[in-house]
C-alpha atoms as a PDB file:
ATOM      1  CA  MET A   1      69.499  24.444  95.035  1.00  0.00           C
ATOM      2  CA  GLY A   2      67.374  25.848  97.778  1.00  0.00           C
ATOM      3  CA  LYS A   3      64.514  28.246  97.682  1.00  0.00           C
ATOM      4  CA  VAL A   4      65.434  31.940  97.328  1.00  0.00           C
ATOM      5  CA  LYS A   5      63.797  34.025 100.057  1.00  0.00           C
ATOM      6  CA  LYS A   6      62.094  37.245  99.165  1.00  0.00           C
ATOM      7  CA  MET A   7      63.794  40.330 100.803  1.00  0.00           C
ATOM      8  CA  VAL A   8      61.551  42.390 103.007  1.00  0.00           C
ATOM      9  CA  ASP A   9      61.892  46.240 102.405  1.00  0.00           C
ATOM     10  CA  LEU A  10      62.366  47.692 105.968  1.00  0.00           C
ATOM     11  CA  LYS A  11      62.592  51.221 104.750  1.00  0.00           C
ATOM     12  CA  PRO A  12      59.893  53.429 106.173  1.00  0.00           C
ATOM     13  CA  LYS A  13      57.215  54.647 103.801  1.00  0.00           C
ATOM     14  CA  ALA A  14      57.316  58.370 104.597  1.00  0.00           C
ATOM     15  CA  GLU A  15      60.198  60.712 103.805  1.00  0.00           C
ATOM     16  CA  LYS A  16      59.372  63.256 106.433  1.00  0.00           C
ATOM     17  CA  ILE A  17      57.678  63.589 109.790  1.00  0.00           C
ATOM     18  CA  THR A  18      54.354  65.431 109.883  1.00  0.00           C
ATOM     19  CA  GLU A  19      54.159  69.102 110.257  1.00  0.00           C
ATOM     20  CA  GLU A  20      52.679  68.725 113.720  1.00  0.00           C
ATOM     21  CA  GLN A  21      55.506  66.436 114.749  1.00  0.00           C
ATOM     22  CA  LEU A  22      57.995  68.892 113.307  1.00  0.00           C
ATOM     23  CA  GLU A  23      56.441  71.759 115.287  1.00  0.00           C
ATOM     24  CA  GLN A  24      56.542  69.660 118.500  1.00  0.00           C
ATOM     25  CA  LEU A  25      60.142  68.742 117.886  1.00  0.00           C
ATOM     26  CA  GLN A  26      61.188  72.293 117.155  1.00  0.00           C
ATOM     27  CA  THR A  27      59.417  73.524 120.357  1.00  0.00           C
ATOM     28  CA  ALA A  28      61.071  70.891 122.518  1.00  0.00           C
ATOM     29  CA  VAL A  29      64.577  71.734 121.058  1.00  0.00           C
ATOM     30  CA  ASN A  30      63.942  75.519 121.449  1.00  0.00           C
ATOM     31  CA  ASP A  31      62.712  75.005 124.985  1.00  0.00           C
ATOM     32  CA  ASN A  32      65.744  72.879 125.865  1.00  0.00           C
ATOM     33  CA  ASN A  33      68.082  75.535 124.359  1.00  0.00           C
ATOM     34  CA  THR A  34      66.435  78.225 126.390  1.00  0.00           C
ATOM     35  CA  VAL A  35      66.693  76.302 129.629  1.00  0.00           C
ATOM     36  CA  GLN A  36      70.344  75.626 128.947  1.00  0.00           C
ATOM     37  CA  PHE A  37      70.965  79.298 128.189  1.00  0.00           C
ATOM     38  CA  HIS A  38      69.335  80.292 131.537  1.00  0.00           C
ATOM     39  CA  ILE A  39      71.271  77.756 133.437  1.00  0.00           C
ATOM     40  CA  GLY A  40      74.479  79.149 131.935  1.00  0.00           C
ATOM     41  CA  ALA A  41      73.418  82.714 132.899  1.00  0.00           C
ATOM     42  CA  LEU A  42      72.638  81.621 136.465  1.00  0.00           C
ATOM     43  CA  GLU A  43      76.033  79.790 136.832  1.00  0.00           C
ATOM     44  CA  PHE A  44      77.720  83.013 135.639  1.00  0.00           C
ATOM     45  CA  GLN A  45      75.879  85.070 138.228  1.00  0.00           C
ATOM     46  CA  LYS A  46      76.846  82.478 140.799  1.00  0.00           C
ATOM     47  CA  TYR A  47      80.534  82.747 139.830  1.00  0.00           C
ATOM     48  CA  GLU A  48      80.311  86.583 140.127  1.00  0.00           C
ATOM     49  CA  MET A  49      78.667  86.512 143.540  1.00  0.00           C
ATOM     50  CA  ILE A  50      81.128  83.943 144.914  1.00  0.00           C
ATOM     51  CA  HIS A  51      84.022  86.268 143.854  1.00  0.00           C
ATOM     52  CA  LYS A  52      82.165  89.273 145.269  1.00  0.00           C
ATOM     53  CA  GLN A  53      81.718  87.417 148.591  1.00  0.00           C
ATOM     54  CA  VAL A  54      85.496  86.571 148.666  1.00  0.00           C
ATOM     55  CA  ALA A  55      86.296  90.234 148.144  1.00  0.00           C
ATOM     56  CA  THR A  56      83.886  91.368 150.951  1.00  0.00           C
ATOM     57  CA  LYS A  57      85.202  88.656 153.314  1.00  0.00           C
ATOM     58  CA  SER A  58      88.728  89.873 152.678  1.00  0.00           C
ATOM     59  CA  LYS A  59      87.665  93.510 153.416  1.00  0.00           C
ATOM     60  CA  MET A  60      86.041  92.264 156.626  1.00  0.00           C
ATOM     61  CA  LEU A  61      89.250  90.499 157.747  1.00  0.00           C
ATOM     62  CA  GLU A  62      91.198  93.614 156.927  1.00  0.00           C
ATOM     63  CA  LEU A  63      88.921  95.719 159.170  1.00  0.00           C
ATOM     64  CA  GLN A  64      89.125  93.223 161.921  1.00  0.00           C
ATOM     65  CA  ALA A  65      92.933  93.438 161.877  1.00  0.00           C
ATOM     66  CA  ILE A  66      92.818  97.246 161.987  1.00  0.00           C
ATOM     67  CA  PHE A  67      90.351  97.241 164.902  1.00  0.00           C
ATOM     68  CA  SER A  68      92.376  94.617 166.826  1.00  0.00           C
ATOM     69  CA  LYS A  69      95.511  96.731 166.429  1.00  0.00           C
ATOM     70  CA  GLU A  70      93.823  99.983 167.176  1.00  0.00           C
ATOM     71  CA  TYR A  71      91.316  98.978 169.883  1.00  0.00           C
ATOM     72  CA  GLY A  72      92.718  95.600 171.087  1.00  0.00           C
ATOM     73  CA  THR A  73      89.543  93.833 169.791  1.00  0.00           C
ATOM     74  CA  PHE A  74      87.542  93.525 166.617  1.00  0.00           C
ATOM     75  CA  ASP A  75      84.303  92.825 168.478  1.00  0.00           C
ATOM     76  CA  VAL A  76      82.203  95.814 167.498  1.00  0.00           C
ATOM     77  CA  ASN A  77      78.465  96.267 167.587  1.00  0.00           C
ATOM     78  CA  ILE A  78      77.598  96.875 163.880  1.00  0.00           C
ATOM     79  CA  ASN A  79      74.455  98.759 164.805  1.00  0.00           C
ATOM     80  CA  ASP A  80      75.940 101.489 166.859  1.00  0.00           C
ATOM     81  CA  GLY A  81      79.693 101.149 166.672  1.00  0.00           C
ATOM     82  CA  SER A  82      80.300 100.401 170.246  1.00  0.00           C
ATOM     83  CA  ILE A  83      83.354  98.312 171.114  1.00  0.00           C
ATOM     84  CA  ASN A  84      82.580  95.166 173.171  1.00  0.00           C
ATOM     85  CA  TYR A  85      85.595  94.740 175.346  1.00  0.00           C
ATOM     86  CA  ALA A  86      86.052  91.486 177.226  1.00  0.00           C
ATOM     87  CA  LYS A  87      85.033  91.750 180.857  1.00  0.00           C
ATOM     88  CA  ASP A  88      87.856  91.324 183.395  1.00  0.00           C
ATOM     89  CA  GLU A  89      87.340  88.239 185.455  1.00  0.00           C
END
């Protein structure tokens, strides 16, 4: 029969990481969670702003339709309210 090879123990010697390593790991995980939370909050704000912009655009189109019907154009100076009628050629 052949020689029996001795098994090498590959198990690490320590049961835990060091306190300093644990603190570094906890800090990294907490920082990552904070960043993810803030990204989520920003995405929600973006979602709200997009829907607000859709509503304001809809209101603008509604006003343009009213002005076109009432004044024949919706070309209005937003500073003083004057109507910019097309010049006859």
